[in-house]
């Protein structure tokens, strides 16, 4: 919650200090690693009762995005995903977190080699958890008699993502740094792999601070003031 408030305060401060410089126009695509600070306490409490293993935070992932810059408006979309596997006899768990969103923002600072824009992402994100029994290696006939050694549950929900995008264009390439807070306002409704509902599931934190660093490819123009000649 504190991280959420800090991000919103930073966005408001940048919007209030926008400078009168022509905006940068153009468009670009990007890709790179993402790291999220995920609160796995609910999952770890449940897993500790069986295997004693714990998921670790931060959660690393990889993603991409694409944006168009029109006047001062920034519009586009982004997505990412990451997973980690923990466990030993008798249980192994693989947890995957992924999401995708539509992003819109506004350039509050724009010069030739630096663009700063607060953004709001609206989309969805979700968790999937695959549980695999490791007590023994079964034969095909044993699976026919006792199927279900691997189970998978998941949920997806609306996600709101206030974030700050800092882009450094250098010719047709450059770097982009984005940081924000992915907030899921609704309680998760866990489902089985075949679509059936799971009455109870592990507790999941509603928010996740994250940072992503991307390599960008695109075209840009503007962002500099033209000097006026003397009369």
Protein backbone atom coordinates (compact mmCIF):
# COMPACT_ATOMS: atom_id res chain seq x y z
CA UNK A 1 0.00 0.00 0.00
CA UNK A 2 2.83 2.43 0.81
CA UNK A 3 4.47 1.68 -2.54
CA UNK A 4 1.16 2.38 -4.28
CA UNK A 5 0.86 5.79 -2.60
CA UNK A 6 4.49 6.65 -3.40
CA UNK A 7 4.03 5.88 -7.10
CA UNK A 8 0.85 7.98 -7.30
CA UNK A 9 2.55 10.91 -5.52
CA UNK A 10 5.48 10.77 -7.96
CA UNK A 11 3.12 10.76 -10.95
CA UNK A 12 1.25 13.80 -9.59
CA UNK A 13 4.52 15.66 -8.98
CA UNK A 14 5.76 15.09 -12.52
CA UNK A 15 2.43 16.17 -14.01
CA UNK A 16 2.58 19.41 -12.02
CA UNK A 17 6.11 20.20 -13.26
CA UNK A 18 5.59 19.63 -17.00
CA UNK A 19 7.79 21.92 -19.07
CA UNK A 20 6.85 23.85 -22.22
CA UNK A 21 8.97 21.89 -24.71
CA UNK A 22 7.62 20.41 -27.98
CA UNK A 23 6.66 16.76 -27.41
CA UNK A 24 8.48 13.80 -28.93
CA UNK A 25 6.48 11.97 -31.61
CA UNK A 26 7.05 8.52 -33.01
CA UNK A 27 6.71 4.92 -32.00
CA UNK A 28 8.74 2.01 -30.69
CA UNK A 29 8.71 -1.60 -29.61
CA UNK A 30 10.71 -2.98 -26.72
CA UNK A 31 11.56 -6.12 -24.76
CA UNK A 32 13.50 -7.01 -21.64
CA UNK A 33 13.52 -8.48 -18.13
CA UNK A 34 11.00 -7.65 -15.44
CA UNK A 35 11.30 -8.13 -11.69
CA UNK A 36 8.33 -8.08 -9.31
CA UNK A 37 8.32 -7.99 -5.51
CA UNK A 38 5.66 -10.62 -4.89
CA UNK A 39 4.24 -11.43 -1.47
CA UNK A 40 4.14 -15.26 -1.46
CA UNK A 41 3.22 -15.59 2.24
CA UNK A 42 -0.15 -17.25 1.55
CA UNK A 43 1.30 -19.83 -0.84
CA UNK A 44 4.34 -20.48 1.34
CA UNK A 45 2.19 -21.11 4.41
CA UNK A 46 0.24 -23.76 2.52
CA UNK A 47 3.31 -25.38 0.93
CA UNK A 48 5.26 -25.49 4.20
CA UNK A 49 2.70 -27.95 5.59
CA UNK A 50 3.57 -30.48 2.86
CA UNK A 51 7.08 -30.00 1.48
CA UNK A 52 8.71 -27.35 3.66
CA UNK A 53 9.82 -25.48 0.52
CA UNK A 54 9.24 -21.76 -0.02
CA UNK A 55 8.85 -19.54 -3.06
CA UNK A 56 11.24 -16.63 -3.18
CA UNK A 57 10.72 -13.00 -4.00
CA UNK A 58 11.64 -11.16 -6.19
CA UNK A 59 9.96 -12.91 -9.10
CA UNK A 60 11.85 -12.60 -12.39
CA UNK A 61 10.18 -12.57 -15.78
CA UNK A 62 10.45 -11.35 -19.35
CA UNK A 63 8.16 -9.24 -21.48
CA UNK A 64 7.64 -6.79 -24.29
CA UNK A 65 5.65 -3.71 -25.21
CA UNK A 66 4.84 -1.32 -28.04
CA UNK A 67 3.92 2.38 -27.88
CA UNK A 68 2.96 5.29 -30.11
CA UNK A 69 3.80 8.88 -29.11
CA UNK A 70 1.30 11.38 -30.52
CA UNK A 71 1.78 14.97 -29.36
CA UNK A 72 2.08 14.40 -25.61
CA UNK A 73 -0.08 11.27 -25.49
CA UNK A 74 1.58 7.86 -25.08
CA UNK A 75 -0.59 4.88 -26.02
CA UNK A 76 0.16 1.20 -26.42
CA UNK A 77 0.26 -2.12 -24.63
CA UNK A 78 2.55 -4.43 -22.71
CA UNK A 79 2.77 -7.98 -21.40
CA UNK A 80 5.10 -10.14 -19.35
CA UNK A 81 5.39 -13.50 -17.63
CA UNK A 82 7.67 -15.44 -15.32
CA UNK A 83 7.77 -18.66 -13.30
CA UNK A 84 9.70 -20.46 -10.61
CA UNK A 85 9.77 -24.06 -9.44
CA UNK A 86 10.41 -25.28 -5.90
CA UNK A 87 10.00 -28.52 -4.02
CA UNK A 88 11.32 -31.99 -3.40
CA UNK A 89 9.80 -35.27 -2.28
CA UNK A 90 6.90 -35.59 -2.05
CA UNK A 91 5.77 -32.44 -3.92
CA UNK A 92 7.07 -30.03 -6.57
CA UNK A 93 5.28 -26.78 -7.36
CA UNK A 94 5.67 -24.51 -10.38
CA UNK A 95 4.13 -21.04 -10.03
CA UNK A 96 3.69 -18.83 -13.08
CA UNK A 97 2.64 -15.18 -12.98
CA UNK A 98 1.71 -13.34 -16.17
CA UNK A 99 -0.21 -10.31 -17.32
CA UNK A 100 -1.06 -8.02 -20.20
CA UNK A 101 -2.56 -4.55 -20.40
CA UNK A 102 -3.53 -1.52 -22.44
CA UNK A 103 -1.41 1.49 -21.44
CA UNK A 104 -2.07 5.19 -21.79
CA UNK A 105 -0.02 8.10 -20.50
CA UNK A 106 1.16 11.67 -20.97
CA UNK A 107 4.61 13.14 -21.60
CA UNK A 108 5.40 15.50 -18.74
CA UNK A 109 9.03 15.91 -19.79
CA UNK A 110 10.34 15.45 -23.32
CA UNK A 111 13.66 16.37 -24.86
CA UNK A 112 15.54 14.72 -27.71
CA UNK A 113 17.10 11.96 -25.61
CA UNK A 114 14.79 11.77 -22.59
CA UNK A 115 11.02 11.21 -22.27
CA UNK A 116 9.26 10.95 -18.92
CA UNK A 117 5.60 9.88 -18.89
CA UNK A 118 3.29 8.71 -16.09
CA UNK A 119 1.17 5.82 -17.36
CA UNK A 120 -1.92 3.86 -16.37
CA UNK A 121 -2.29 0.25 -17.45
CA UNK A 122 -5.69 -1.48 -17.57
CA UNK A 123 -5.74 -5.21 -18.25
CA UNK A 124 -5.53 -8.55 -16.57
CA UNK A 125 -3.07 -10.75 -14.73
CA UNK A 126 -3.13 -14.18 -13.22
CA UNK A 127 -1.42 -17.02 -11.40
CA UNK A 128 -1.19 -20.67 -12.34
CA UNK A 129 0.09 -23.31 -9.93
CA UNK A 130 1.09 -26.77 -11.09
CA UNK A 131 1.57 -29.42 -8.41
CA UNK A 132 3.42 -32.65 -9.18
CA UNK A 133 3.75 -35.67 -6.92
CA UNK A 134 7.36 -36.90 -6.72
CA UNK A 135 7.12 -39.82 -4.30
CA UNK A 136 7.83 -42.33 -7.09
CA UNK A 137 8.20 -42.65 -10.85
CA UNK A 138 4.98 -44.28 -12.11
CA UNK A 139 4.56 -46.58 -15.09
CA UNK A 140 1.92 -45.92 -17.73
CA UNK A 141 -0.29 -48.66 -16.28
CA UNK A 142 -0.08 -47.12 -12.80
CA UNK A 143 -1.23 -43.81 -14.28
CA UNK A 144 -4.20 -45.56 -15.84
CA UNK A 145 -5.14 -46.97 -12.45
CA UNK A 146 -4.34 -43.83 -10.43
CA UNK A 147 -4.42 -40.71 -12.63
CA UNK A 148 -4.15 -37.18 -11.30
CA UNK A 149 -0.54 -37.16 -10.12
CA UNK A 150 -0.24 -33.65 -11.57
CA UNK A 151 -2.77 -30.96 -10.73
CA UNK A 152 -3.08 -27.41 -11.98
CA UNK A 153 -5.10 -24.49 -10.60
CA UNK A 154 -5.22 -20.89 -11.79
CA UNK A 155 -7.01 -17.58 -11.61
CA UNK A 156 -7.07 -14.35 -13.61
CA UNK A 157 -8.48 -10.95 -12.72
CA UNK A 158 -8.67 -7.27 -13.62
CA UNK A 159 -5.43 -5.39 -12.90
CA UNK A 160 -4.79 -1.64 -12.66
CA UNK A 161 -1.19 -0.53 -13.03
CA UNK A 162 -0.08 3.05 -12.30
CA UNK A 163 3.51 3.36 -13.46
CA UNK A 164 6.24 5.74 -14.56
CA UNK A 165 7.95 5.30 -17.93
CA UNK A 166 11.39 6.81 -18.59
CA UNK A 167 12.59 6.42 -22.18
CA UNK A 168 16.06 7.27 -23.49
CA UNK A 169 16.00 7.24 -27.31
CA UNK A 170 19.39 7.16 -29.07
CA UNK A 171 18.92 7.21 -32.84
CA UNK A 172 16.60 4.27 -33.69
CA UNK A 173 17.50 2.31 -30.51
CA UNK A 174 17.53 3.15 -26.82
CA UNK A 175 16.51 2.10 -23.35
CA UNK A 176 13.28 2.21 -21.40
CA UNK A 177 12.84 1.93 -17.64
CA UNK A 178 9.37 1.41 -16.19
CA UNK A 179 8.39 1.03 -12.58
CA UNK A 180 4.99 0.82 -10.98
CA UNK A 181 2.47 -1.10 -8.93
CA UNK A 182 0.22 -3.82 -10.36
CA UNK A 183 -2.98 -3.76 -8.28
CA UNK A 184 -5.65 -6.46 -8.42
CA UNK A 185 -8.75 -5.12 -6.64
CA UNK A 186 -10.81 -8.34 -6.71
CA UNK A 187 -10.37 -11.48 -4.63
CA UNK A 188 -9.10 -14.42 -6.71
CA UNK A 189 -11.50 -17.15 -7.84
CA UNK A 190 -9.37 -20.23 -8.27
CA UNK A 191 -10.26 -22.71 -11.01
CA UNK A 192 -9.15 -26.23 -11.88
CA UNK A 193 -7.42 -26.91 -15.20
CA UNK A 194 -10.70 -28.21 -16.70
CA UNK A 195 -12.65 -25.07 -15.77
CA UNK A 196 -14.22 -26.33 -12.55
CA UNK A 197 -14.22 -24.03 -9.53
CA UNK A 198 -11.95 -24.60 -6.56
CA UNK A 199 -13.91 -23.72 -3.37
CA UNK A 200 -10.84 -22.56 -1.45
CA UNK A 201 -7.37 -21.56 -2.57
CA UNK A 202 -4.25 -19.90 -1.21
CA UNK A 203 -4.30 -16.24 -0.25
CA UNK A 204 -2.72 -13.94 -2.84
CA UNK A 205 -1.52 -10.39 -2.25
CA UNK A 206 -3.53 -7.75 -4.12
CA UNK A 207 -0.51 -5.72 -5.24
CA UNK A 208 2.96 -6.18 -6.70
CA UNK A 209 5.61 -3.45 -7.13
CA UNK A 210 7.67 -4.06 -10.27
CA UNK A 211 10.50 -2.68 -12.40
CA UNK A 212 11.27 -3.50 -16.03
CA UNK A 213 14.28 -2.55 -18.16
CA UNK A 214 13.81 -2.77 -21.94
CA UNK A 215 15.80 -2.33 -25.11
CA UNK A 216 13.78 -0.23 -27.58
CA UNK A 217 13.68 -0.01 -31.38
CA UNK A 218 11.77 2.73 -33.16
CA UNK A 219 11.67 6.21 -34.63
CA UNK A 220 11.44 9.57 -32.87
CA UNK A 221 11.23 13.23 -33.78
CA UNK A 222 10.75 16.49 -31.88
CA UNK A 223 11.59 17.27 -28.28
CA UNK A 224 13.71 20.36 -28.91
CA UNK A 225 12.93 24.05 -28.96
CA UNK A 226 13.70 26.05 -32.10
CA UNK A 227 15.76 29.14 -31.40
CA UNK A 228 14.24 32.40 -32.48
CA UNK A 229 16.43 34.79 -34.46
CA UNK A 230 16.86 38.39 -33.41
CA UNK A 231 14.79 40.98 -35.17
